Each structure stands twice: as C-alpha cells, then as structure tokens.
Amino acid sequence: MAGPGRHRYRLLWMPACPHAHKVVIAWKLLGLRKVISLGTTGIYRDPKGWVFTEVEGEKDPVLGIHFLKELYDKDAPDGDYKERPTVPVIADTATKRHMRHFLKPWISLTKDLLQGDFYWAII
C-alpha cells in the first residue's frame, strides 16, 4: 500500500472527456505527475460505466478494478452506486476509495487556470 507521500493518490480519467482533459492538463503543468499517478479508462462504457479496457488484464494496475463503478460502489450505502460514475476522479490508493469532495476544488482551480488565451496556448 502507498504511504501518505508519493503516488498515494491516483487521477482517473477517460481521454474523450473534455472535463477530464482540463484536469490532466493542470496535473501536467503543475508537475503533479511526480506525486499523483494517472490511470486511464478505455473509451468503452457499458451499463456499469467506464471500463479499463486499454490495459493488460482490463484492470487498473494500481487499484485492481475493471469498472470505474467499483470505486464508487465502495461508498454507496448498499454497495451499489446508482448514478453514473464520472471522470475525472481522484482515488486514494491506500484505501482504494474515490475522493469526490477533493476533486471539486481541483476542477474549479483548473477552470480558472485553463480559460481563454492561456488554455489555447497550451493545447
């Protein structure tokens, strides 16, 4: 299990999601790849949500999940998350749980950083 430092957290995204792109761009620009690892789902989404189809064994190599929904299910009262799991999401690699509340301020920050001319200059 990861300790409280390097790669304790994992950013999960899907390349076709424009909201996820903003977060990944900020992750790269801020140099966070040194401390937050990146996991990528495939572009395939079935009724259970995004699937890790682009990696060997079709499981995220750090979290060991096949469906992104598995991460969300852990915090659902009955163990079955009823809404559609979304990306981007930060996962705690030690607890194997998502951190939705951590991601909201992150998205707000990236929206502020990645607007207008600055956004178009870096893509």
Protein backbone atom coordinates (compact mmCIF):
# COMPACT_ATOMS: atom_id res chain seq x y z
CA MET A 1 0.00 0.00 0.00
CA ALA A 2 1.09 3.52 -0.69
CA GLY A 3 2.10 5.75 2.19
CA PRO A 4 0.99 9.33 2.67
CA GLY A 5 3.51 10.60 0.10
CA ARG A 6 4.37 9.81 -3.48
CA HIS A 7 1.58 8.23 -5.53
CA ARG A 8 -0.80 7.97 -2.58
CA TYR A 9 -3.43 9.40 -4.92
CA ARG A 10 -4.37 8.40 -8.44
CA LEU A 11 -6.11 10.56 -11.00
CA LEU A 12 -8.51 8.55 -13.16
CA TRP A 13 -9.69 9.91 -16.48
CA MET A 14 -11.06 8.96 -19.89
CA PRO A 15 -9.37 10.60 -22.91
CA ALA A 16 -12.63 11.52 -24.69
CA CYS A 17 -13.94 13.56 -21.73
CA PRO A 18 -13.26 17.30 -22.16
CA HIS A 19 -13.62 17.95 -18.42
CA ALA A 20 -11.03 15.30 -17.68
CA HIS A 21 -8.65 16.87 -20.20
CA LYS A 22 -8.65 20.13 -18.26
CA VAL A 23 -7.68 18.33 -15.08
CA VAL A 24 -4.97 16.28 -16.79
CA ILE A 25 -3.51 19.42 -18.41
CA ALA A 26 -3.33 21.10 -14.98
CA TRP A 27 -1.88 17.90 -13.48
CA LYS A 28 0.93 18.04 -16.06
CA LEU A 29 1.53 21.80 -15.85
CA LEU A 30 1.71 21.78 -12.07
CA GLY A 31 4.17 18.89 -12.08
CA LEU A 32 1.81 16.68 -10.10
CA ARG A 33 2.71 13.57 -12.08
CA LYS A 34 5.61 13.23 -9.65
CA VAL A 35 3.21 12.66 -6.75
CA ILE A 36 -0.18 11.67 -8.27
CA SER A 37 -0.26 8.73 -10.66
CA LEU A 38 -2.54 8.66 -13.70
CA GLY A 39 -4.98 5.91 -14.64
CA THR A 40 -6.79 5.85 -17.96
CA THR A 41 -10.04 4.07 -18.71
CA GLY A 42 -10.79 2.87 -22.20
CA ILE A 43 -13.29 4.66 -24.39
CA TYR A 44 -15.80 1.83 -23.92
CA ARG A 45 -18.61 2.39 -21.44
CA ASP A 46 -21.11 -0.34 -20.71
CA PRO A 47 -24.16 -0.11 -18.39
CA LYS A 48 -21.83 -0.29 -15.38
CA GLY A 49 -19.79 2.66 -16.66
CA TRP A 50 -16.24 3.20 -17.83
CA VAL A 51 -14.11 0.08 -18.25
CA PHE A 52 -10.32 -0.22 -18.08
CA THR A 53 -10.13 -1.91 -21.50
CA GLU A 54 -6.83 -0.41 -22.64
CA VAL A 55 -4.62 -2.04 -20.00
CA GLU A 56 -3.42 -5.61 -19.63
CA GLY A 57 -5.97 -7.75 -17.85
CA GLU A 58 -8.53 -4.96 -18.29
CA LYS A 59 -7.93 -3.78 -14.72
CA ASP A 60 -6.35 -0.62 -13.42
CA PRO A 61 -2.87 -1.81 -12.40
CA VAL A 62 -2.84 0.20 -9.16
CA LEU A 63 -6.43 -0.08 -7.93
CA GLY A 64 -7.19 -3.51 -9.39
CA ILE A 65 -10.63 -2.50 -10.67
CA HIS A 66 -12.21 -3.42 -14.02
CA PHE A 67 -15.09 -0.93 -13.90
CA LEU A 68 -14.74 2.63 -12.58
CA LYS A 69 -18.05 1.94 -10.83
CA GLU A 70 -16.27 -0.45 -8.45
CA LEU A 71 -14.58 2.58 -6.90
CA TYR A 72 -17.92 4.36 -6.41
CA ASP A 73 -19.67 1.21 -5.10
CA LYS A 74 -17.42 1.16 -2.03
CA ASP A 75 -19.08 4.30 -0.64
CA ALA A 76 -22.66 3.54 -1.66
CA PRO A 77 -24.90 2.67 1.32
CA ASP A 78 -25.90 -0.67 -0.19
CA GLY A 79 -22.65 -1.26 -2.09
CA ASP A 80 -24.29 -0.47 -5.44
CA TYR A 81 -23.81 3.09 -6.68
CA LYS A 82 -26.98 4.01 -8.57
CA GLU A 83 -25.76 7.07 -10.50
CA ARG A 84 -23.37 7.09 -13.45
CA PRO A 85 -19.73 7.11 -12.27
CA THR A 86 -17.89 10.03 -13.82
CA VAL A 87 -14.36 11.10 -14.62
CA PRO A 88 -12.11 12.71 -13.67
CA VAL A 89 -11.89 11.33 -10.17
CA ILE A 90 -9.12 11.12 -7.60
CA ALA A 91 -8.67 7.78 -5.84
CA ASP A 92 -6.83 7.14 -2.61
CA THR A 93 -4.55 4.20 -3.41
CA ALA A 94 -4.26 3.20 0.25
CA THR A 95 -8.00 2.93 0.94
CA LYS A 96 -9.00 2.17 -2.69
CA ARG A 97 -11.79 4.76 -2.41
CA HIS A 98 -12.68 7.75 -4.53
CA MET A 99 -12.31 11.29 -3.27
CA ARG A 100 -15.13 13.19 -4.96
CA HIS A 101 -15.01 16.03 -2.45
CA PHE A 102 -11.30 16.54 -3.10
CA LEU A 103 -11.87 16.84 -6.84
CA LYS A 104 -14.44 19.67 -6.83
CA PRO A 105 -11.94 22.37 -5.75
CA TRP A 106 -9.42 20.89 -8.20
CA ILE A 107 -11.85 21.26 -11.11
CA SER A 108 -12.67 24.80 -10.03
CA LEU A 109 -8.96 25.64 -9.99
CA THR A 110 -8.37 24.15 -13.43
CA LYS A 111 -11.36 26.02 -14.86
CA ASP A 112 -9.79 29.27 -13.63
CA LEU A 113 -6.34 28.37 -14.94
CA LEU A 114 -7.44 26.95 -18.26
CA GLN A 115 -9.62 29.66 -19.72
CA GLY A 116 -9.23 31.87 -22.74
CA ASP A 117 -5.86 32.51 -24.35
CA PHE A 118 -3.91 30.56 -21.73
CA TYR A 119 -5.92 27.39 -22.43
CA TRP A 120 -5.48 27.62 -26.19
CA ALA A 121 -1.78 28.40 -25.88
CA ILE A 122 -1.03 25.15 -24.06
CA ILE A 123 -3.07 22.68 -26.10
